[in-house]
Amino acid sequence: MNDLTLVNNEFLRQFEVHIDDNLARIEYSEQERKIFLTKISIPEDIQNKDFEEAFIIKVLEFIENKKLRVVPTSPQIASFVRRNRRFKELLPVGIKL
């Protein structure tokens, strides 16, 4: 799953991954060096735990490389960050999951 090509669609404010004819996306809102990850949508054809985790990792690594902070408001993404200590350092000061 490391071969996912992540697209940051700034116009629609979403991260996208195209697989065949399917589009998986994570919607976001950006404010003052913080990205709020608000919703994740994965089509049923490609929906599985491995894909979801690989997609979230790709997005969090993109945010990390941009030196931004992340506020996961989507329950699935918040749960992932809670389970993966590596990404907790991306949270803004004072935000605990």
C-alpha atoms as a PDB file:
ATOM      1  CA  MET A   1       0.000   0.000   0.000  1.00  0.00           C
ATOM      2  CA  ASN A   2       3.030   2.332  -0.027  1.00  0.00           C
ATOM      3  CA  ASP A   3       2.491   2.972  -3.723  1.00  0.00           C
ATOM      4  CA  LEU A   4      -0.554   5.190  -3.119  1.00  0.00           C
ATOM      5  CA  THR A   5      -0.378   8.500  -4.967  1.00  0.00           C
ATOM      6  CA  LEU A   6      -1.755  11.231  -2.747  1.00  0.00           C
ATOM      7  CA  VAL A   7      -3.237  14.355  -4.323  1.00  0.00           C
ATOM      8  CA  ASN A   8      -3.906  17.493  -2.304  1.00  0.00           C
ATOM      9  CA  ASN A   9      -6.961  18.999  -4.000  1.00  0.00           C
ATOM     10  CA  GLU A  10      -6.782  22.479  -2.486  1.00  0.00           C
ATOM     11  CA  PHE A  11      -9.832  23.690  -4.417  1.00  0.00           C
ATOM     12  CA  LEU A  12     -12.105  21.040  -2.840  1.00  0.00           C
ATOM     13  CA  ARG A  13     -10.041  20.990   0.384  1.00  0.00           C
ATOM     14  CA  GLN A  14      -9.491  17.256   0.356  1.00  0.00           C
ATOM     15  CA  PHE A  15      -6.721  14.711   0.037  1.00  0.00           C
ATOM     16  CA  GLU A  16      -7.446  12.172  -2.674  1.00  0.00           C
ATOM     17  CA  VAL A  17      -6.263   8.747  -3.762  1.00  0.00           C
ATOM     18  CA  HIS A  18      -7.513   7.310  -7.049  1.00  0.00           C
ATOM     19  CA  ILE A  19      -7.655   3.523  -7.387  1.00  0.00           C
ATOM     20  CA  ASP A  20      -9.092   2.264 -10.659  1.00  0.00           C
ATOM     21  CA  ASP A  21     -12.386   4.157 -10.980  1.00  0.00           C
ATOM     22  CA  ASN A  22     -12.675   4.828  -7.251  1.00  0.00           C
ATOM     23  CA  LEU A  23     -11.858   7.982  -5.330  1.00  0.00           C
ATOM     24  CA  ALA A  24     -11.010   7.848  -1.630  1.00  0.00           C
ATOM     25  CA  ARG A  25     -10.846  11.205   0.120  1.00  0.00           C
ATOM     26  CA  ILE A  26     -10.155  12.897   3.415  1.00  0.00           C
ATOM     27  CA  GLU A  27     -11.748  16.313   3.710  1.00  0.00           C
ATOM     28  CA  TYR A  28      -9.980  19.062   5.616  1.00  0.00           C
ATOM     29  CA  SER A  29     -10.114  22.634   6.768  1.00  0.00           C
ATOM     30  CA  GLU A  30      -6.918  24.641   7.190  1.00  0.00           C
ATOM     31  CA  GLN A  31      -6.502  27.440   9.741  1.00  0.00           C
ATOM     32  CA  GLU A  32      -3.341  29.053  11.094  1.00  0.00           C
ATOM     33  CA  ARG A  33      -0.786  26.276  10.472  1.00  0.00           C
ATOM     34  CA  LYS A  34      -3.324  23.623  11.540  1.00  0.00           C
ATOM     35  CA  ILE A  35      -5.231  21.150   9.405  1.00  0.00           C
ATOM     36  CA  PHE A  36      -8.538  19.837  10.723  1.00  0.00           C
ATOM     37  CA  LEU A  37      -9.226  16.404   9.206  1.00  0.00           C
ATOM     38  CA  THR A  38     -13.011  16.396   9.180  1.00  0.00           C
ATOM     39  CA  LYS A  39     -14.213  13.413   7.158  1.00  0.00           C
ATOM     40  CA  ILE A  40     -12.908  10.270   5.501  1.00  0.00           C
ATOM     41  CA  SER A  41     -14.754   8.650   2.595  1.00  0.00           C
ATOM     42  CA  ILE A  42     -13.657   5.363   1.071  1.00  0.00           C
ATOM     43  CA  PRO A  43     -15.779   3.633  -1.607  1.00  0.00           C
ATOM     44  CA  GLU A  44     -17.018   0.153  -0.730  1.00  0.00           C
ATOM     45  CA  ASP A  45     -15.054  -1.404  -3.620  1.00  0.00           C
ATOM     46  CA  ILE A  46     -11.726  -0.544  -1.969  1.00  0.00           C
ATOM     47  CA  GLN A  47     -12.757  -0.318   1.668  1.00  0.00           C
ATOM     48  CA  ASN A  48     -10.608  -2.383   3.995  1.00  0.00           C
ATOM     49  CA  LYS A  49      -8.578  -1.699   7.130  1.00  0.00           C
ATOM     50  CA  ASP A  50      -5.178  -1.917   5.390  1.00  0.00           C
ATOM     51  CA  PHE A  51      -6.145   0.623   2.737  1.00  0.00           C
ATOM     52  CA  GLU A  52      -7.703   2.986   5.280  1.00  0.00           C
ATOM     53  CA  GLU A  53      -4.594   2.924   7.470  1.00  0.00           C
ATOM     54  CA  ALA A  54      -2.225   3.374   4.506  1.00  0.00           C
ATOM     55  CA  PHE A  55      -4.296   6.341   3.289  1.00  0.00           C
ATOM     56  CA  ILE A  56      -4.331   8.000   6.724  1.00  0.00           C
ATOM     57  CA  ILE A  57      -0.558   7.464   7.090  1.00  0.00           C
ATOM     58  CA  LYS A  58       0.046   9.079   3.670  1.00  0.00           C
ATOM     59  CA  VAL A  59      -2.011  12.125   4.682  1.00  0.00           C
ATOM     60  CA  LEU A  60      -0.331  12.451   8.095  1.00  0.00           C
ATOM     61  CA  GLU A  61       3.130  12.164   6.528  1.00  0.00           C
ATOM     62  CA  PHE A  62       2.183  14.893   4.025  1.00  0.00           C
ATOM     63  CA  ILE A  63       1.088  17.135   6.916  1.00  0.00           C
ATOM     64  CA  GLU A  64       4.265  16.298   8.840  1.00  0.00           C
ATOM     65  CA  ASN A  65       6.440  17.253   5.839  1.00  0.00           C
ATOM     66  CA  LYS A  66       4.621  20.589   5.560  1.00  0.00           C
ATOM     67  CA  LYS A  67       5.417  21.218   9.250  1.00  0.00           C
ATOM     68  CA  LEU A  68       1.746  21.700  10.095  1.00  0.00           C
ATOM     69  CA  ARG A  69      -0.259  20.533  13.104  1.00  0.00           C
ATOM     70  CA  VAL A  70      -3.213  18.197  12.744  1.00  0.00           C
ATOM     71  CA  VAL A  71      -6.544  18.199  14.543  1.00  0.00           C
ATOM     72  CA  PRO A  72      -8.408  14.976  13.698  1.00  0.00           C
ATOM     73  CA  THR A  73     -12.127  15.650  14.094  1.00  0.00           C
ATOM     74  CA  SER A  74     -13.106  12.526  12.138  1.00  0.00           C
ATOM     75  CA  PRO A  75     -13.649   9.627  14.597  1.00  0.00           C
ATOM     76  CA  GLN A  76     -11.744   7.132  12.392  1.00  0.00           C
ATOM     77  CA  ILE A  77      -8.719   9.408  12.057  1.00  0.00           C
ATOM     78  CA  ALA A  78      -8.756  10.374  15.757  1.00  0.00           C
ATOM     79  CA  SER A  79      -8.839   6.678  16.667  1.00  0.00           C
ATOM     80  CA  PHE A  80      -5.902   5.976  14.345  1.00  0.00           C
ATOM     81  CA  VAL A  81      -3.797   8.792  15.855  1.00  0.00           C
ATOM     82  CA  ARG A  82      -4.689   7.595  19.362  1.00  0.00           C
ATOM     83  CA  ARG A  83      -3.333   4.111  18.501  1.00  0.00           C
ATOM     84  CA  ASN A  84      -0.199   5.347  16.726  1.00  0.00           C
ATOM     85  CA  ARG A  85       2.102   7.231  19.031  1.00  0.00           C
ATOM     86  CA  ARG A  86       4.307   8.427  16.159  1.00  0.00           C
ATOM     87  CA  PHE A  87       1.594  10.806  14.928  1.00  0.00           C
ATOM     88  CA  LYS A  88       0.589  12.177  18.337  1.00  0.00           C
ATOM     89  CA  GLU A  89       3.442  14.685  18.072  1.00  0.00           C
ATOM     90  CA  LEU A  90       1.550  16.311  15.172  1.00  0.00           C
ATOM     91  CA  LEU A  91      -1.216  17.385  17.540  1.00  0.00           C
ATOM     92  CA  PRO A  92      -1.220  21.044  18.614  1.00  0.00           C
ATOM     93  CA  VAL A  93      -0.216  21.826  22.185  1.00  0.00           C
ATOM     94  CA  GLY A  94      -3.134  21.191  24.532  1.00  0.00           C
ATOM     95  CA  ILE A  95      -4.980  18.732  22.269  1.00  0.00           C
ATOM     96  CA  LYS A  96      -5.252  15.249  23.725  1.00  0.00           C
ATOM     97  CA  LEU A  97      -6.977  12.236  22.225  1.00  0.00           C
END
